[in-house]
Every structure is written in C-alpha cells, then in structure tokens.
C-alpha cells in the first residue's frame, strides 16, 4: 500500500512557517554552545533511527519505491528517494504523483530535493516531511541538467545561497536536514564548506569522494582520503560514497574514512543485494541470482506501481548478462515494453526464464561483446538524460506559461470589472435623468387634470338646472 502525499502549501505560507525540530530560541546558523547542542541533537536522532550503516543512494528514475524496497529486503538499512525538483514538485500535482511514493515499510527515508530558492525548497519539503526521516538537499549532481538549472553541485559557486537554503530548511521544517556534497579540488575549501553546512543546520552529511567535474564515476577513483578529512572536520554523522562494488568495499570504506555509514548508487542497480549479510563480503551477484532478483523486483512493482521507464531500466540492468545472449528478447523488451501496461514486460521476463532453463547453464554466453554492451548502455543513458531534460524543461515551461498568463488574466478581470462599473454608472445616470422627467410629467398631468375634476364636480348642479 502506497502513502498519499499532502496538498501543496503556498510559497508564502512556507516563508512564514515555524519549526518543531528545534527550540525557537535556538535557530541556525549555530556557534558555540548552540552548535554543540545541534550536534548532540543530530546524533540523538541518528541513533534513534538505529544508526543505519548501509544506504541506497539517490538516483534519478532509479531509486523509486519498489527498488528501495528490494534493496531493503537484501540488507540496505536506509534509502534516498530520487532527486525531486523542488519547484516542479511544489507546483505540479502530476509530477508529485509520478516521482514520489512511499509506504509504511519504507523507513528510514531520505527525501531529496534540488533547489536554488529557500522558500520553494521549504514549501516543497513541507508536502512530504511527515513521510521523511531526513529532508535532503542535493548539492552533488554534476550533470548538464543541473548546470542549466543552477542546482546540485553547481551551487558550489554560491556558498552563501547554499547556507541560506540549509538555514531556511533547518529553521522551518519539522524534520532534520541532510546534505549530499562533492569535494572541491582544494581539500581545505571542502572542510570549510562542510563546517559551514554543519553550522547552518545540516544534521547529516553525505560525501561523494569525487569532484564536480567528474561526471563518469567509472573513469576516476573516489578520493577516500578526502572523505576522511571531512569526517575528521565535522561532528555530525557522515556517510561516505564512492567505489563500493561489494560489502567488502563498504567495510573498507568505513574503516578508511571513519564514516558512520556508506551509500552505494550504480553498483546497486546491478546488485541490489550488495549489502546482504548472507553472503561472503567479497562476493557479487551471480547471473542466476540476478534473474531471481529481477522477478522479485517485478513482484514489488505489482504492489508498488512505478513508471514503465523506471521499471524497464531496472530490468535491463538486472538481466544485462542474459540479454547479451538473448538479444532478440532484449530488442523486444526495448520495443514492446514501453507502455504503461507492465504485463508485457513480465511476460517477456518469464519467457527469458524459460530460455535460460532450456540452456541447462547458470551463466550466459554473450553474443554482444562487453565493449558493445557498454556502448549501448552509454547511448541509452544519454537518451535517458535527454528525456529527463526535456521533461524538466516542459514542466518548467508549463509553470512559466501559467505565471505569464496570470497578469493577463488579472488584466482581463480588471477590464471586465471596469466595464461593469461603467455600465452601472451609466444606468444610474440614466435613471437619474429619467426621474425628474417623470416627476415633471406627473406634475403637468396633475395641472391639466385639475379643471376637468372641477368640471366633473359642477356637472350635477348644471345638469339639474337644465332638467337633464
């Protein structure tokens, strides 16, 4: 059962909203004893959630509810939603319905937003904060769409704005604020950045050990030393992110950085059981396990419906090896499973299971080379990114058109009001002119009728005189 979200508040209401997350006399930015109290609250809250170690990272169109529940079933202890565009989330009901859903078992939950306006960020977060354990601000997205929209890692060019965003949310929201960041080339600047976020009211900091300029995570190793430097510089809980391919990697990352938790993103897409405690730490998912996990995922989709493009993306990732052998099925999944009816997709996955069983093998023999697969996946990722940009642009354009139409509608209403007032004045003036004329006619009529009345009064006497 999914949980419905509240109606959207206005930005004006959010701007004046209070907060129950800390005393009214103790508001960020913090320093001295107030900072110490903030740090203590942050730790008390993190511990109240069970001090979760293994986290599903935020991934656009990929860390949706059924996938989060799949990862939780296989060892993940907390999860992030996909990044939500704060303005679109606030102003478009359809966007909220498509991009956010949750359920009672989906906790602890970080609900992540991108934003560059404090009031919009707060108003969007207020819609869903009752379903969140943290409201997270995305300060790490390095993609072109974030540069064009001026959010994510590109806010690193305006640290004052970042401070305003975090302070506003920490002051007005009922749930703690977390942030996910990337490193500056200068580690001392990164430390200064992290400390600023802590003082501004951030209660948990997730650090991706790469620079903003690194858009392809596979091309550059994550800087675990940089993450360790941030962990040592701040007092609030810190999560480490980067190069976690298996549970052993997660354990090594925690040991190296002294972080309080670890998150994984892309490796989870191929291995949702990465954090599982039931297998050896160095082990990765087998091809047969991938198929079984894919079927499990589709069962979760039946319980927690999700958009077809998200579901199909997960199927391709999970069945990557088998689809490299059964290329005809790969093409049919790509071609025939694009609609909202997931029955076709489930049928194709079942057909793949039959073909796998017929081989008598527990491993695929790919017809597509690894290089070709990566090329196809890169092209698919590029198309997905373009489509996401187009959806965001269309949504913002619709909002812009509505905003632009408001003055015109107001002007039309003003003109109509003025026309009604003018018509009413004209009617009143007309009535004012007609009233004296009617009174004059009535008076003249009275004067003309008076002799006739007198004549009528004298007629009987005159008639008697003549013998009528």
Protein backbone atom coordinates (compact mmCIF):
# COMPACT_ATOMS: atom_id res chain seq x y z
CA UNK A 1 0.00 0.00 0.00
CA UNK A 2 1.46 3.35 -1.01
CA UNK A 3 1.03 6.51 1.02
CA UNK A 4 -0.60 9.64 -0.40
CA UNK A 5 1.13 13.00 -0.02
CA UNK A 6 -0.42 16.18 1.32
CA UNK A 7 -1.63 19.08 -0.76
CA UNK A 8 0.99 21.65 -1.68
CA UNK A 9 1.28 24.71 0.57
CA UNK A 10 1.97 28.09 -0.95
CA UNK A 11 5.48 29.52 -1.01
CA UNK A 12 4.18 32.41 1.09
CA UNK A 13 2.91 30.00 3.75
CA UNK A 14 6.25 28.23 3.85
CA UNK A 15 8.06 31.53 4.24
CA UNK A 16 6.19 32.16 7.49
CA UNK A 17 6.04 28.57 8.75
CA UNK A 18 7.54 27.70 12.10
CA UNK A 19 9.55 24.62 13.04
CA UNK A 20 9.25 21.92 15.64
CA UNK A 21 12.71 20.41 15.00
CA UNK A 22 14.46 22.72 17.48
CA UNK A 23 13.54 25.34 20.11
CA UNK A 24 12.54 28.71 18.69
CA UNK A 25 15.39 30.43 20.60
CA UNK A 26 17.96 28.05 19.10
CA UNK A 27 17.96 28.62 15.35
CA UNK A 28 20.82 28.33 12.85
CA UNK A 29 23.41 29.40 11.94
CA UNK A 30 24.91 27.87 15.09
CA UNK A 31 28.06 28.62 17.03
CA UNK A 32 29.41 27.94 20.48
CA UNK A 33 27.01 26.18 22.84
CA UNK A 34 24.21 26.28 20.26
CA UNK A 35 26.41 24.36 17.80
CA UNK A 36 27.23 21.77 20.47
CA UNK A 37 23.50 21.35 21.17
CA UNK A 38 22.82 20.96 17.43
CA UNK A 39 25.48 18.26 17.13
CA UNK A 40 24.04 16.40 20.12
CA UNK A 41 20.51 16.53 18.66
CA UNK A 42 21.87 15.27 15.33
CA UNK A 43 23.47 12.24 16.99
CA UNK A 44 20.48 11.52 19.22
CA UNK A 45 18.24 11.50 16.16
CA UNK A 46 20.58 9.35 14.04
CA UNK A 47 20.82 6.81 16.87
CA UNK A 48 17.03 6.82 17.30
CA UNK A 49 16.83 5.52 13.71
CA UNK A 50 19.17 2.66 14.57
CA UNK A 51 22.36 4.35 13.28
CA UNK A 52 21.83 2.90 9.77
CA UNK A 53 25.09 1.97 8.00
CA UNK A 54 24.07 0.75 4.54
CA UNK A 55 22.28 3.31 2.37
CA UNK A 56 20.67 3.29 -1.08
CA UNK A 57 21.93 6.46 -2.79
CA UNK A 58 19.60 8.89 -4.59
CA UNK A 59 19.33 8.04 -8.31
CA UNK A 60 17.05 9.84 -10.76
CA UNK A 61 14.38 7.46 -12.09
CA UNK A 62 16.13 4.55 -10.32
CA UNK A 63 15.80 4.73 -6.51
CA UNK A 64 12.00 4.65 -6.70
CA UNK A 65 9.84 2.84 -4.12
CA UNK A 66 9.85 -0.77 -5.44
CA UNK A 67 13.62 -0.66 -5.95
CA UNK A 68 14.15 0.79 -2.46
CA UNK A 69 12.01 -1.99 -1.00
CA UNK A 70 14.01 -4.58 -2.98
CA UNK A 71 17.29 -3.25 -1.58
CA UNK A 72 15.86 -3.12 1.95
CA UNK A 73 14.85 -6.78 1.62
CA UNK A 74 18.51 -7.58 0.85
CA UNK A 75 20.36 -5.69 3.56
CA UNK A 76 20.02 -1.95 2.94
CA UNK A 77 19.17 -0.14 6.18
CA UNK A 78 18.14 3.26 4.79
CA UNK A 79 17.38 4.77 1.39
CA UNK A 80 17.12 8.01 -0.54
CA UNK A 81 14.37 8.90 -2.98
CA UNK A 82 15.34 10.01 -6.46
CA UNK A 83 16.20 13.69 -6.65
CA UNK A 84 12.98 15.72 -6.77
CA UNK A 85 12.88 19.12 -8.48
CA UNK A 86 11.53 21.39 -5.73
CA UNK A 87 9.63 23.81 -7.96
CA UNK A 88 8.06 21.12 -10.13
CA UNK A 89 7.20 19.09 -7.02
CA UNK A 90 5.57 22.11 -5.39
CA UNK A 91 3.54 23.33 -8.34
CA UNK A 92 2.60 20.22 -10.34
CA UNK A 93 0.37 17.51 -8.88
CA UNK A 94 1.17 15.20 -11.81
CA UNK A 95 4.91 15.47 -11.11
CA UNK A 96 4.35 14.55 -7.46
CA UNK A 97 2.27 11.53 -8.39
CA UNK A 98 4.85 10.24 -10.88
CA UNK A 99 8.02 10.87 -8.93
CA UNK A 100 7.19 10.22 -5.28
CA UNK A 101 5.58 7.34 -3.46
CA UNK A 102 6.28 5.58 -0.20
CA UNK A 103 4.82 3.03 2.17
CA UNK A 104 4.99 2.29 5.91
CA UNK A 105 7.96 -0.08 5.48
CA UNK A 106 9.98 2.48 3.55
CA UNK A 107 11.92 3.84 6.53
CA UNK A 108 14.37 5.32 7.38
CA UNK A 109 13.84 7.51 4.32
CA UNK A 110 15.78 10.49 2.99
CA UNK A 111 13.60 12.58 0.66
CA UNK A 112 15.96 14.51 -1.60
CA UNK A 113 15.29 17.79 -3.38
CA UNK A 114 17.28 20.01 -5.68
CA UNK A 115 16.61 23.70 -5.11
CA UNK A 116 18.01 27.19 -5.51
CA UNK A 117 15.30 29.16 -3.70
CA UNK A 118 14.88 28.75 0.08
CA UNK A 119 11.12 29.36 0.20
CA UNK A 120 10.43 26.96 -2.67
CA UNK A 121 12.63 24.31 -1.06
CA UNK A 122 10.82 24.61 2.27
CA UNK A 123 7.34 24.62 0.69
CA UNK A 124 8.10 21.52 -1.39
CA UNK A 125 9.56 19.69 1.62
CA UNK A 126 6.52 20.52 3.76
CA UNK A 127 4.35 18.44 1.43
CA UNK A 128 6.18 15.21 2.30
CA UNK A 129 8.10 15.82 5.51
CA UNK A 130 5.73 13.64 7.55
CA UNK A 131 6.89 10.67 5.43
CA UNK A 132 10.59 11.52 5.77
CA UNK A 133 13.26 10.89 8.35
CA UNK A 134 15.51 13.48 6.70
CA UNK A 135 14.87 16.17 4.11
CA UNK A 136 17.96 16.07 1.91
CA UNK A 137 19.40 18.86 -0.23
CA UNK A 138 21.18 17.71 -3.39
CA UNK A 139 24.49 19.55 -3.64
CA UNK A 140 26.27 16.87 -5.66
CA UNK A 141 24.60 16.40 -9.07
CA UNK A 142 27.28 17.21 -11.71
CA UNK A 143 25.18 16.68 -14.83
CA UNK A 144 24.41 19.25 -17.53
CA UNK A 145 20.77 19.45 -16.48
CA UNK A 146 21.91 20.66 -13.03
CA UNK A 147 24.21 23.25 -14.57
CA UNK A 148 21.43 24.59 -16.75
CA UNK A 149 19.01 24.72 -13.82
CA UNK A 150 21.65 26.01 -11.37
CA UNK A 151 21.26 23.37 -8.70
CA UNK A 152 23.13 20.34 -7.38
CA UNK A 153 26.93 20.63 -7.47
CA UNK A 154 26.76 23.91 -9.37
CA UNK A 155 25.56 25.67 -6.23
CA UNK A 156 29.18 25.25 -5.05
CA UNK A 157 29.72 28.54 -6.95
CA UNK A 158 27.41 30.31 -4.46
CA UNK A 159 28.11 29.11 -0.92
CA UNK A 160 26.06 31.95 0.55
CA UNK A 161 22.97 30.66 -1.24
CA UNK A 162 23.67 27.13 -0.01
CA UNK A 163 23.86 28.46 3.55
CA UNK A 164 20.53 30.25 3.09
CA UNK A 165 18.89 27.08 1.74
CA UNK A 166 20.07 24.93 4.64
CA UNK A 167 19.34 27.54 7.30
CA UNK A 168 15.82 28.13 5.98
CA UNK A 169 15.01 24.42 5.91
CA UNK A 170 16.58 23.69 9.31
CA UNK A 171 14.63 26.59 10.85
CA UNK A 172 11.21 25.90 9.34
CA UNK A 173 10.90 22.17 8.79
CA UNK A 174 9.81 19.60 11.36
CA UNK A 175 12.40 17.05 10.18
CA UNK A 176 16.21 17.30 10.19
CA UNK A 177 18.04 18.48 7.08
CA UNK A 178 20.80 16.45 5.44
CA UNK A 179 23.07 17.36 2.53
CA UNK A 180 24.92 15.36 -0.11
CA UNK A 181 28.06 17.06 -1.40
CA UNK A 182 31.10 16.60 -3.63
CA UNK A 183 34.69 17.65 -2.98
CA UNK A 184 36.42 20.86 -4.03
CA UNK A 185 39.86 20.42 -5.63
CA UNK A 186 41.26 22.15 -2.54
CA UNK A 187 40.54 19.92 0.47
CA UNK A 188 40.81 22.89 2.86
CA UNK A 189 37.95 24.56 0.99
CA UNK A 190 35.95 21.33 1.24
CA UNK A 191 36.48 21.28 5.00
CA UNK A 192 35.38 24.91 5.28
CA UNK A 193 32.33 24.06 3.17
CA UNK A 194 31.39 21.09 5.37
CA UNK A 195 31.75 23.11 8.56
CA UNK A 196 29.56 25.85 7.11
CA UNK A 197 26.84 23.29 6.35
CA UNK A 198 27.04 21.93 9.89
CA UNK A 199 26.70 25.42 11.40
CA UNK A 200 23.85 26.24 9.00
CA UNK A 201 21.78 23.39 10.47
CA UNK A 202 22.73 20.29 8.47
CA UNK A 203 22.21 17.24 10.71
CA UNK A 204 23.85 14.60 8.48
CA UNK A 205 26.38 14.96 5.69
CA UNK A 206 26.88 12.51 2.81
CA UNK A 207 30.17 12.98 0.95
CA UNK A 208 30.81 11.71 -2.57
CA UNK A 209 34.58 11.45 -2.92
CA UNK A 210 34.79 12.98 -6.39
CA UNK A 211 34.96 16.47 -7.88
CA UNK A 212 32.10 18.21 -9.63
CA UNK A 213 33.97 17.87 -12.92
CA UNK A 214 33.80 14.07 -12.72
CA UNK A 215 30.57 13.05 -14.44
CA UNK A 216 31.61 9.45 -15.20
CA UNK A 217 32.22 7.67 -11.90
CA UNK A 218 33.92 4.73 -13.62
CA UNK A 219 36.62 6.99 -15.06
CA UNK A 220 38.11 8.26 -11.78
CA UNK A 221 38.66 6.55 -8.43
CA UNK A 222 36.88 8.14 -5.46
CA UNK A 223 39.07 10.10 -3.05
CA UNK A 224 38.60 8.22 0.22
CA UNK A 225 41.21 10.45 1.90
CA UNK A 226 39.09 13.50 1.06
CA UNK A 227 36.05 11.89 2.68
CA UNK A 228 38.16 11.04 5.75
CA UNK A 229 39.26 14.68 6.02
CA UNK A 230 35.64 15.83 6.08
CA UNK A 231 34.73 13.15 8.65
CA UNK A 232 37.51 14.44 10.92
CA UNK A 233 36.49 18.08 10.46
CA UNK A 234 32.80 17.91 11.45
CA UNK A 235 30.94 16.48 14.43
CA UNK A 236 27.61 15.46 12.85
CA UNK A 237 27.09 11.97 11.31
CA UNK A 238 28.84 11.48 7.95
CA UNK A 239 28.09 8.98 5.15
CA UNK A 240 30.77 8.01 2.63
CA UNK A 241 30.07 7.42 -1.06
CA UNK A 242 32.36 6.14 -3.81
CA UNK A 243 33.68 2.87 -5.30
CA UNK A 244 31.53 0.43 -3.33
CA UNK A 245 31.10 -2.66 -5.52
CA UNK A 246 30.54 -5.22 -2.75
CA UNK A 247 30.12 -5.49 1.01
CA UNK A 248 33.88 -5.77 1.49
CA UNK A 249 34.31 -2.40 -0.27
CA UNK A 250 31.71 -0.88 2.04
CA UNK A 251 33.52 -2.19 5.10
CA UNK A 252 36.90 -0.94 3.81
CA UNK A 253 35.44 2.49 3.06
CA UNK A 254 34.03 2.82 6.57
CA UNK A 255 37.31 1.71 8.12
CA UNK A 256 39.38 4.07 5.96
CA UNK A 257 37.24 7.17 6.42
CA UNK A 258 35.80 6.51 9.91
CA UNK A 259 32.42 7.39 8.37
CA UNK A 260 29.21 6.47 10.16
CA UNK A 261 27.62 4.87 7.11
CA UNK A 262 28.15 4.07 3.45
CA UNK A 263 25.98 4.62 0.40
CA UNK A 264 26.09 2.97 -2.99
CA UNK A 265 24.47 4.05 -6.25
CA UNK A 266 25.19 2.42 -9.62
CA UNK A 267 26.58 -0.87 -8.26
CA UNK A 268 23.24 -1.45 -6.51
CA UNK A 269 21.45 -1.29 -9.86
CA UNK A 270 23.25 -4.48 -10.92
CA UNK A 271 23.36 -5.98 -7.45
CA UNK A 272 20.51 -4.89 -5.14
CA UNK A 273 21.77 -7.46 -2.61
CA UNK A 274 25.17 -5.73 -2.35
CA UNK A 275 24.62 -5.04 1.37
CA UNK A 276 23.41 -8.56 2.12
CA UNK A 277 24.93 -10.20 5.20
CA UNK A 278 24.04 -13.68 3.95
CA UNK A 279 26.92 -14.00 1.50
CA UNK A 280 30.67 -13.54 1.60
CA UNK A 281 31.79 -9.87 1.70
CA UNK A 282 33.84 -10.17 -1.50
CA UNK A 283 31.05 -11.94 -3.39
CA UNK A 284 29.00 -10.30 -6.11
CA UNK A 285 25.67 -11.34 -7.56
CA UNK A 286 25.57 -14.35 -9.89
CA UNK A 287 23.66 -14.40 -13.18
CA UNK A 288 21.01 -16.74 -11.79
CA UNK A 289 20.59 -14.56 -8.70
CA UNK A 290 20.17 -11.54 -10.99
CA UNK A 291 17.27 -13.23 -12.74
CA UNK A 292 15.65 -14.22 -9.45
CA UNK A 293 16.07 -10.70 -8.05
CA UNK A 294 14.53 -9.26 -11.24
CA UNK A 295 11.42 -11.41 -10.78
CA UNK A 296 11.28 -10.31 -7.14
CA UNK A 297 11.52 -6.69 -8.25
CA UNK A 298 8.62 -7.11 -10.70
CA UNK A 299 6.54 -8.61 -7.89
CA UNK A 300 7.25 -5.49 -5.83
CA UNK A 301 6.23 -3.31 -8.78
CA UNK A 302 2.86 -5.10 -8.73
CA UNK A 303 2.45 -3.97 -5.11
CA UNK A 304 4.02 -0.52 -5.56
CA UNK A 305 3.31 0.65 -9.13
CA UNK A 306 6.03 2.68 -10.79
CA UNK A 307 6.51 4.36 -14.15
CA UNK A 308 7.27 1.96 -17.02
CA UNK A 309 10.51 3.71 -17.99
CA UNK A 310 11.89 3.19 -14.48
CA UNK A 311 10.88 -0.46 -14.37
CA UNK A 312 12.29 -1.22 -17.80
CA UNK A 313 15.58 0.43 -16.85
CA UNK A 314 15.94 -1.86 -13.84
CA UNK A 315 15.12 -4.96 -15.91
CA UNK A 316 17.88 -4.11 -18.38
CA UNK A 317 20.41 -3.61 -15.58
CA UNK A 318 19.49 -6.77 -13.70
CA UNK A 319 19.34 -9.01 -16.77
CA UNK A 320 22.30 -7.41 -18.52
CA UNK A 321 24.29 -10.64 -18.96
CA UNK A 322 21.38 -12.79 -20.13
CA UNK A 323 20.12 -10.14 -22.54
CA UNK A 324 23.58 -10.03 -24.10
CA UNK A 325 22.96 -13.63 -25.11
CA UNK A 326 19.24 -13.49 -25.89
CA UNK A 327 19.45 -10.35 -28.00
CA UNK A 328 16.08 -10.88 -29.68
CA UNK A 329 14.38 -10.68 -26.28
CA UNK A 330 16.43 -7.61 -25.45
CA UNK A 331 15.07 -5.89 -28.56
CA UNK A 332 11.50 -6.95 -27.75
CA UNK A 333 11.78 -5.60 -24.21
CA UNK A 334 13.10 -2.33 -25.59
CA UNK A 335 10.40 -2.15 -28.27
CA UNK A 336 7.29 -3.69 -26.73
CA UNK A 337 7.52 -2.85 -23.02
CA UNK A 338 7.43 0.93 -23.25
CA UNK A 339 3.76 1.42 -22.40
CA UNK A 340 2.15 1.72 -19.01
CA UNK A 341 0.96 -1.91 -19.04
CA UNK A 342 3.70 -3.95 -17.37
CA UNK A 343 2.02 -7.26 -18.22
CA UNK A 344 4.03 -7.40 -21.45
CA UNK A 345 7.29 -6.86 -19.59
CA UNK A 346 6.50 -9.57 -17.04
CA UNK A 347 5.64 -11.96 -19.88
CA UNK A 348 8.93 -11.27 -21.66
CA UNK A 349 10.92 -11.81 -18.46
CA UNK A 350 9.08 -15.11 -17.91
CA UNK A 351 9.92 -16.14 -21.48
CA UNK A 352 13.56 -15.32 -20.81
CA UNK A 353 13.41 -17.59 -17.75
CA UNK A 354 12.22 -20.46 -19.93
CA UNK A 355 15.06 -19.91 -22.40
CA UNK A 356 17.61 -19.76 -19.57
CA UNK A 357 16.29 -23.07 -18.19
CA UNK A 358 16.49 -24.63 -21.66
CA UNK A 359 20.23 -23.90 -21.88
CA UNK A 360 21.00 -26.00 -18.82
CA UNK A 361 23.57 -23.36 -17.87
CA UNK A 362 23.68 -20.90 -14.93
CA UNK A 363 25.69 -18.37 -16.93
CA UNK A 364 25.13 -16.60 -20.27
CA UNK A 365 27.25 -16.86 -23.40
CA UNK A 366 27.02 -13.30 -24.71
CA UNK A 367 26.53 -12.58 -28.38
CA UNK A 368 27.26 -8.93 -27.67
CA UNK A 369 30.80 -8.02 -26.64
CA UNK A 370 31.37 -6.13 -23.37
CA UNK A 371 32.50 -3.13 -25.39
CA UNK A 372 29.31 -3.20 -27.45
CA UNK A 373 27.20 -3.55 -24.30
CA UNK A 374 28.88 -0.55 -22.68
CA UNK A 375 28.43 1.46 -25.86
CA UNK A 376 24.72 0.59 -25.96
CA UNK A 377 24.32 1.40 -22.27
CA UNK A 378 26.13 4.70 -22.70
CA UNK A 379 23.81 5.62 -25.57
CA UNK A 380 20.78 4.56 -23.52
CA UNK A 381 21.99 6.68 -20.59
CA UNK A 382 22.46 9.63 -22.92
CA UNK A 383 18.92 9.26 -24.26
CA UNK A 384 17.57 8.94 -20.73
CA UNK A 385 19.37 12.14 -19.74
CA UNK A 386 18.00 13.98 -22.77
CA UNK A 387 14.48 12.79 -21.99
CA UNK A 388 14.84 13.87 -18.37
CA UNK A 389 15.98 17.33 -19.51
CA UNK A 390 13.04 17.54 -21.89
CA UNK A 391 10.58 16.56 -19.13
CA UNK A 392 12.06 19.11 -16.76
CA UNK A 393 12.07 21.82 -19.42
CA UNK A 394 8.46 21.06 -20.36
CA UNK A 395 7.37 21.15 -16.73
CA UNK A 396 9.11 24.47 -16.08
CA UNK A 397 7.74 25.88 -19.33
CA UNK A 398 4.21 24.96 -18.25
CA UNK A 399 4.76 26.70 -14.93
CA UNK A 400 6.25 29.71 -16.74
CA UNK A 401 3.28 29.90 -19.09
CA UNK A 402 0.89 29.76 -16.15
CA UNK A 403 2.81 32.50 -14.35
CA UNK A 404 2.94 34.62 -17.51
CA UNK A 405 -0.78 34.15 -18.01
CA UNK A 406 -1.62 35.40 -14.52
CA UNK A 407 -1.03 39.15 -15.26
CA UNK A 408 -3.05 38.84 -18.47
CA UNK A 409 -5.90 37.13 -16.62
CA UNK A 410 -5.72 39.76 -13.90
CA UNK A 411 -5.79 42.49 -16.55
CA UNK A 412 -8.82 40.89 -18.21
CA UNK A 413 -10.59 40.68 -14.86
CA UNK A 414 -9.76 44.34 -14.19
CA UNK A 415 -11.10 45.39 -17.59
CA UNK A 416 -14.29 43.38 -17.02
CA UNK A 417 -14.70 44.96 -13.59
CA UNK A 418 -14.19 48.44 -15.01
CA UNK A 419 -16.69 47.73 -17.77
CA UNK A 420 -19.26 46.55 -15.23
CA UNK A 421 -18.67 49.63 -13.09
CA UNK A 422 -19.01 51.92 -16.14
CA UNK A 423 -22.23 50.17 -17.16
CA UNK A 424 -23.62 50.54 -13.64
CA UNK A 425 -22.71 54.25 -13.58
CA UNK A 426 -24.39 54.75 -16.94
CA UNK A 427 -27.53 53.01 -15.68
CA UNK A 428 -27.56 55.16 -12.56
CA UNK A 429 -27.07 58.33 -14.62
CA UNK A 430 -29.87 57.30 -16.96
CA UNK A 431 -32.16 56.60 -14.04
CA UNK A 432 -31.18 59.98 -12.57
CA UNK A 433 -32.18 61.78 -15.79
CA UNK A 434 -35.42 59.87 -16.18
CA UNK A 435 -36.67 60.53 -12.63
CA UNK A 436 -37.05 64.38 -12.91
CA UNK A 437 -38.73 63.95 -16.28
CA UNK A 438 -41.24 61.55 -14.79
CA UNK A 439 -41.89 63.90 -11.88
CA UNK A 440 -42.39 66.82 -14.31
CA UNK A 441 -44.83 64.84 -16.38
CA UNK A 442 -46.72 63.82 -13.28
CA UNK A 443 -46.93 67.43 -12.09
CA UNK A 444 -48.06 68.64 -15.52
CA UNK A 445 -50.65 65.90 -15.61
CA UNK A 446 -51.97 66.98 -12.26
CA UNK A 447 -52.31 70.58 -13.50
CA UNK A 448 -54.15 69.57 -16.64
CA UNK A 449 -56.49 67.26 -14.76
CA UNK A 450 -57.50 69.83 -12.14
CA UNK A 451 -60.07 71.82 -14.35
CA UNK A 452 -61.54 68.58 -15.56
CA UNK A 453 -62.05 67.46 -11.97
CA UNK A 454 -63.72 70.75 -11.17
CA UNK A 455 -65.93 70.40 -14.18
CA UNK A 456 -66.88 66.90 -13.12
CA UNK A 457 -67.69 68.21 -9.64
CA UNK A 458 -70.05 71.01 -11.02
CA UNK A 459 -71.74 68.91 -13.66
CA UNK A 460 -74.58 67.55 -11.49
CA UNK A 461 -75.73 71.02 -10.49
CA UNK A 462 -75.61 72.31 -14.07
CA UNK A 463 -77.39 69.23 -15.30
CA UNK A 464 -80.18 69.74 -12.78
CA UNK A 465 -80.65 73.31 -13.93
CA UNK A 466 -81.33 72.25 -17.49
CA UNK A 467 -83.51 69.34 -16.47
CA UNK A 468 -81.22 66.60 -17.61
